[in-house]
């Protein structure tokens, strides 16, 4: 059940990151996939910095920031 929740949170984060990065998105489905990857990237980045946000809101915040980073990196290759 935990993996399903993680995928849903990643999709929400990808959607939010696509809305935050106007013009940097790749479309609805790709943003959702990048959001799932971004959740892992955000957790890794925050782990390196020693930051730990607890709860659902913290997971969404971490995933959204990770998804923004992934979208930004992907937009560099898009150009």
N, C-alpha and C. Protein backbone atom coordinates (compact mmCIF):
# COMPACT_ATOMS: atom_id res chain seq x y z
N UNK A 1 0.82 -1.20 0.00
CA UNK A 1 0.00 0.00 0.00
C UNK A 1 0.86 1.26 0.00
N UNK A 2 2.05 1.19 0.60
CA UNK A 2 2.91 2.36 0.69
C UNK A 2 3.39 2.84 -0.67
N UNK A 3 3.66 1.92 -1.59
CA UNK A 3 4.14 2.31 -2.91
C UNK A 3 3.05 3.03 -3.69
N UNK A 4 1.82 2.63 -3.51
CA UNK A 4 0.70 3.29 -4.20
C UNK A 4 0.55 4.72 -3.70
N UNK A 5 0.65 4.91 -2.39
CA UNK A 5 0.57 6.26 -1.82
C UNK A 5 1.73 7.11 -2.33
N UNK A 6 2.92 6.54 -2.40
CA UNK A 6 4.09 7.28 -2.91
C UNK A 6 3.89 7.70 -4.36
N UNK A 7 3.32 6.84 -5.17
CA UNK A 7 3.05 7.18 -6.57
C UNK A 7 2.01 8.29 -6.66
N UNK A 8 0.97 8.21 -5.85
CA UNK A 8 -0.06 9.26 -5.86
C UNK A 8 0.53 10.59 -5.42
N UNK A 9 1.34 10.59 -4.36
CA UNK A 9 1.98 11.82 -3.90
C UNK A 9 2.91 12.36 -4.98
N UNK A 10 3.65 11.48 -5.66
CA UNK A 10 4.53 11.91 -6.74
C UNK A 10 3.76 12.55 -7.89
N UNK A 11 2.59 11.99 -8.20
CA UNK A 11 1.76 12.58 -9.25
C UNK A 11 1.27 13.96 -8.86
N UNK A 12 0.86 14.12 -7.61
CA UNK A 12 0.43 15.43 -7.12
C UNK A 12 1.58 16.42 -7.19
N UNK A 13 2.76 15.98 -6.79
CA UNK A 13 3.94 16.85 -6.83
C UNK A 13 4.30 17.24 -8.26
N UNK A 14 4.20 16.30 -9.19
CA UNK A 14 4.47 16.62 -10.59
C UNK A 14 3.48 17.62 -11.14
N UNK A 15 2.22 17.47 -10.76
CA UNK A 15 1.19 18.42 -11.19
C UNK A 15 1.50 19.81 -10.64
N UNK A 16 1.83 19.89 -9.34
CA UNK A 16 2.14 21.18 -8.72
C UNK A 16 3.38 21.81 -9.33
N UNK A 17 4.39 21.00 -9.57
CA UNK A 17 5.63 21.53 -10.17
C UNK A 17 5.37 22.05 -11.58
N UNK A 18 4.53 21.37 -12.34
CA UNK A 18 4.17 21.84 -13.69
C UNK A 18 3.45 23.17 -13.65
N UNK A 19 2.62 23.37 -12.61
CA UNK A 19 1.91 24.64 -12.47
C UNK A 19 2.85 25.75 -12.02
N UNK A 20 3.80 25.42 -11.15
CA UNK A 20 4.75 26.42 -10.65
C UNK A 20 5.70 26.85 -11.76
N UNK A 21 6.18 25.90 -12.55
CA UNK A 21 7.14 26.19 -13.62
C UNK A 21 6.41 26.42 -14.93
N UNK A 22 5.81 27.55 -15.07
CA UNK A 22 5.09 27.87 -16.29
C UNK A 22 6.07 27.90 -17.46
N UNK A 23 5.72 27.20 -18.51
CA UNK A 23 6.59 27.12 -19.68
C UNK A 23 7.68 26.08 -19.54
N UNK A 24 7.87 25.54 -18.34
CA UNK A 24 8.91 24.54 -18.13
C UNK A 24 8.38 23.13 -18.12
N UNK A 25 7.08 22.99 -18.27
CA UNK A 25 6.48 21.67 -18.20
C UNK A 25 6.54 20.94 -19.52
N UNK A 26 6.22 19.67 -19.49
CA UNK A 26 6.27 18.83 -20.67
C UNK A 26 4.92 18.21 -20.99
N UNK A 27 3.89 18.70 -20.40
CA UNK A 27 2.58 18.11 -20.58
C UNK A 27 2.18 17.34 -19.34
N UNK A 28 0.92 17.06 -19.23
CA UNK A 28 0.35 16.49 -18.01
C UNK A 28 0.99 15.16 -17.62
N UNK A 29 1.05 14.20 -18.54
CA UNK A 29 1.55 12.87 -18.19
C UNK A 29 3.05 12.86 -17.88
N UNK A 30 3.82 13.57 -18.65
CA UNK A 30 5.27 13.61 -18.41
C UNK A 30 5.55 14.33 -17.09
N UNK A 31 4.81 15.40 -16.79
CA UNK A 31 4.98 16.08 -15.52
C UNK A 31 4.66 15.14 -14.36
N UNK A 32 3.66 14.30 -14.51
CA UNK A 32 3.34 13.34 -13.45
C UNK A 32 4.47 12.33 -13.26
N UNK A 33 5.01 11.83 -14.36
CA UNK A 33 6.13 10.89 -14.26
C UNK A 33 7.36 11.56 -13.66
N UNK A 34 7.64 12.78 -14.07
CA UNK A 34 8.77 13.51 -13.50
C UNK A 34 8.53 13.83 -12.03
N UNK A 35 7.27 13.98 -11.64
CA UNK A 35 6.94 14.20 -10.24
C UNK A 35 7.26 12.99 -9.39
N UNK A 36 7.02 11.81 -9.91
CA UNK A 36 7.36 10.58 -9.18
C UNK A 36 8.88 10.49 -9.01
N UNK A 37 9.62 10.78 -10.05
CA UNK A 37 11.08 10.80 -9.97
C UNK A 37 11.52 11.93 -9.03
N UNK A 38 10.84 13.07 -9.12
CA UNK A 38 11.17 14.22 -8.29
C UNK A 38 11.00 13.96 -6.81
N UNK A 39 10.04 13.10 -6.46
CA UNK A 39 9.87 12.74 -5.05
C UNK A 39 11.12 12.07 -4.50
N UNK A 40 11.69 11.19 -5.29
CA UNK A 40 12.93 10.52 -4.87
C UNK A 40 14.10 11.50 -4.84
N UNK A 41 14.17 12.38 -5.83
CA UNK A 41 15.24 13.37 -5.88
C UNK A 41 15.13 14.33 -4.70
N UNK A 42 13.91 14.78 -4.40
CA UNK A 42 13.70 15.68 -3.27
C UNK A 42 14.09 15.04 -1.95
N UNK A 43 13.72 13.79 -1.76
CA UNK A 43 14.10 13.07 -0.54
C UNK A 43 15.62 12.95 -0.43
N UNK A 44 16.27 12.66 -1.55
CA UNK A 44 17.72 12.55 -1.55
C UNK A 44 18.38 13.89 -1.23
N UNK A 45 17.92 14.98 -1.90
CA UNK A 45 18.50 16.30 -1.67
C UNK A 45 18.30 16.75 -0.22
N UNK A 46 17.10 16.56 0.29
CA UNK A 46 16.84 16.99 1.66
C UNK A 46 17.59 16.12 2.66
N UNK A 47 17.82 14.85 2.33
CA UNK A 47 18.63 13.99 3.18
C UNK A 47 20.07 14.46 3.25
N UNK A 48 20.60 14.92 2.12
CA UNK A 48 21.97 15.46 2.11
C UNK A 48 22.08 16.71 2.97
N UNK A 49 21.03 17.53 2.96
CA UNK A 49 21.04 18.77 3.73
C UNK A 49 20.63 18.57 5.19
N UNK A 50 20.17 17.37 5.52
CA UNK A 50 19.75 17.09 6.89
C UNK A 50 18.39 17.66 7.24
N UNK A 51 17.57 17.91 6.24
CA UNK A 51 16.23 18.46 6.45
C UNK A 51 15.23 17.32 6.43
N UNK A 52 14.34 17.30 7.41
CA UNK A 52 13.33 16.25 7.48
C UNK A 52 11.98 16.89 7.79
N UNK A 53 11.10 16.94 6.79
CA UNK A 53 9.75 17.42 6.98
C UNK A 53 8.88 16.21 7.23
N UNK A 54 8.13 16.25 8.29
CA UNK A 54 7.29 15.11 8.61
C UNK A 54 5.88 15.27 8.07
N UNK A 55 5.19 14.16 7.95
CA UNK A 55 3.79 14.17 7.57
C UNK A 55 3.54 14.28 6.08
N UNK A 56 2.29 14.28 5.75
CA UNK A 56 1.86 14.32 4.35
C UNK A 56 2.24 15.63 3.68
N UNK A 57 2.05 16.74 4.38
CA UNK A 57 2.40 18.05 3.80
C UNK A 57 3.90 18.14 3.54
N UNK A 58 4.70 17.60 4.45
CA UNK A 58 6.14 17.59 4.26
C UNK A 58 6.56 16.76 3.07
N UNK A 59 5.90 15.62 2.89
CA UNK A 59 6.20 14.77 1.74
C UNK A 59 5.83 15.46 0.44
N UNK A 60 4.70 16.15 0.43
CA UNK A 60 4.29 16.87 -0.78
C UNK A 60 5.25 18.02 -1.05
N UNK A 61 5.67 18.73 -0.02
CA UNK A 61 6.63 19.82 -0.19
C UNK A 61 7.96 19.33 -0.72
N UNK A 62 8.46 18.26 -0.11
CA UNK A 62 9.72 17.68 -0.55
C UNK A 62 9.63 17.17 -1.99
N UNK A 63 8.56 16.48 -2.30
CA UNK A 63 8.37 15.96 -3.66
C UNK A 63 8.22 17.05 -4.69
N UNK A 64 7.51 18.12 -4.32
CA UNK A 64 7.32 19.23 -5.25
C UNK A 64 8.64 19.93 -5.55
N UNK A 65 9.44 20.15 -4.52
CA UNK A 65 10.75 20.77 -4.74
C UNK A 65 11.63 19.87 -5.59
N UNK A 66 11.60 18.57 -5.32
CA UNK A 66 12.36 17.63 -6.15
C UNK A 66 11.86 17.60 -7.58
N UNK A 67 10.55 17.66 -7.76
CA UNK A 67 9.98 17.67 -9.12
C UNK A 67 10.35 18.95 -9.86
N UNK A 68 10.40 20.07 -9.16
CA UNK A 68 10.82 21.33 -9.79
C UNK A 68 12.27 21.20 -10.26
N UNK A 69 13.12 20.60 -9.44
CA UNK A 69 14.52 20.41 -9.82
C UNK A 69 14.61 19.51 -11.06
N UNK A 70 13.85 18.42 -11.06
CA UNK A 70 13.87 17.49 -12.19
C UNK A 70 13.33 18.17 -13.45
N UNK A 71 12.23 18.94 -13.32
CA UNK A 71 11.69 19.66 -14.48
C UNK A 71 12.67 20.69 -15.01
N UNK A 72 13.36 21.37 -14.11
CA UNK A 72 14.33 22.37 -14.53
C UNK A 72 15.48 21.71 -15.29
N UNK A 73 15.99 20.59 -14.77
CA UNK A 73 17.06 19.87 -15.46
C UNK A 73 16.57 19.34 -16.81
N UNK A 74 15.37 18.80 -16.84
CA UNK A 74 14.81 18.28 -18.11
C UNK A 74 14.61 19.41 -19.11
N UNK A 75 14.26 20.61 -18.63
CA UNK A 75 14.05 21.74 -19.57
C UNK A 75 15.37 22.18 -20.18
N UNK A 76 16.49 21.92 -19.52
CA UNK A 76 17.79 22.25 -20.11
C UNK A 76 18.07 21.40 -21.34
N UNK A 77 17.60 20.14 -21.30
CA UNK A 77 17.78 19.25 -22.44
C UNK A 77 16.74 19.48 -23.54
N UNK A 78 15.64 20.10 -23.17
CA UNK A 78 14.55 20.35 -24.12
C UNK A 78 14.95 21.40 -25.14
N UNK A 79 15.78 22.36 -24.73
CA UNK A 79 16.14 23.49 -25.60
C UNK A 79 17.12 23.11 -26.63
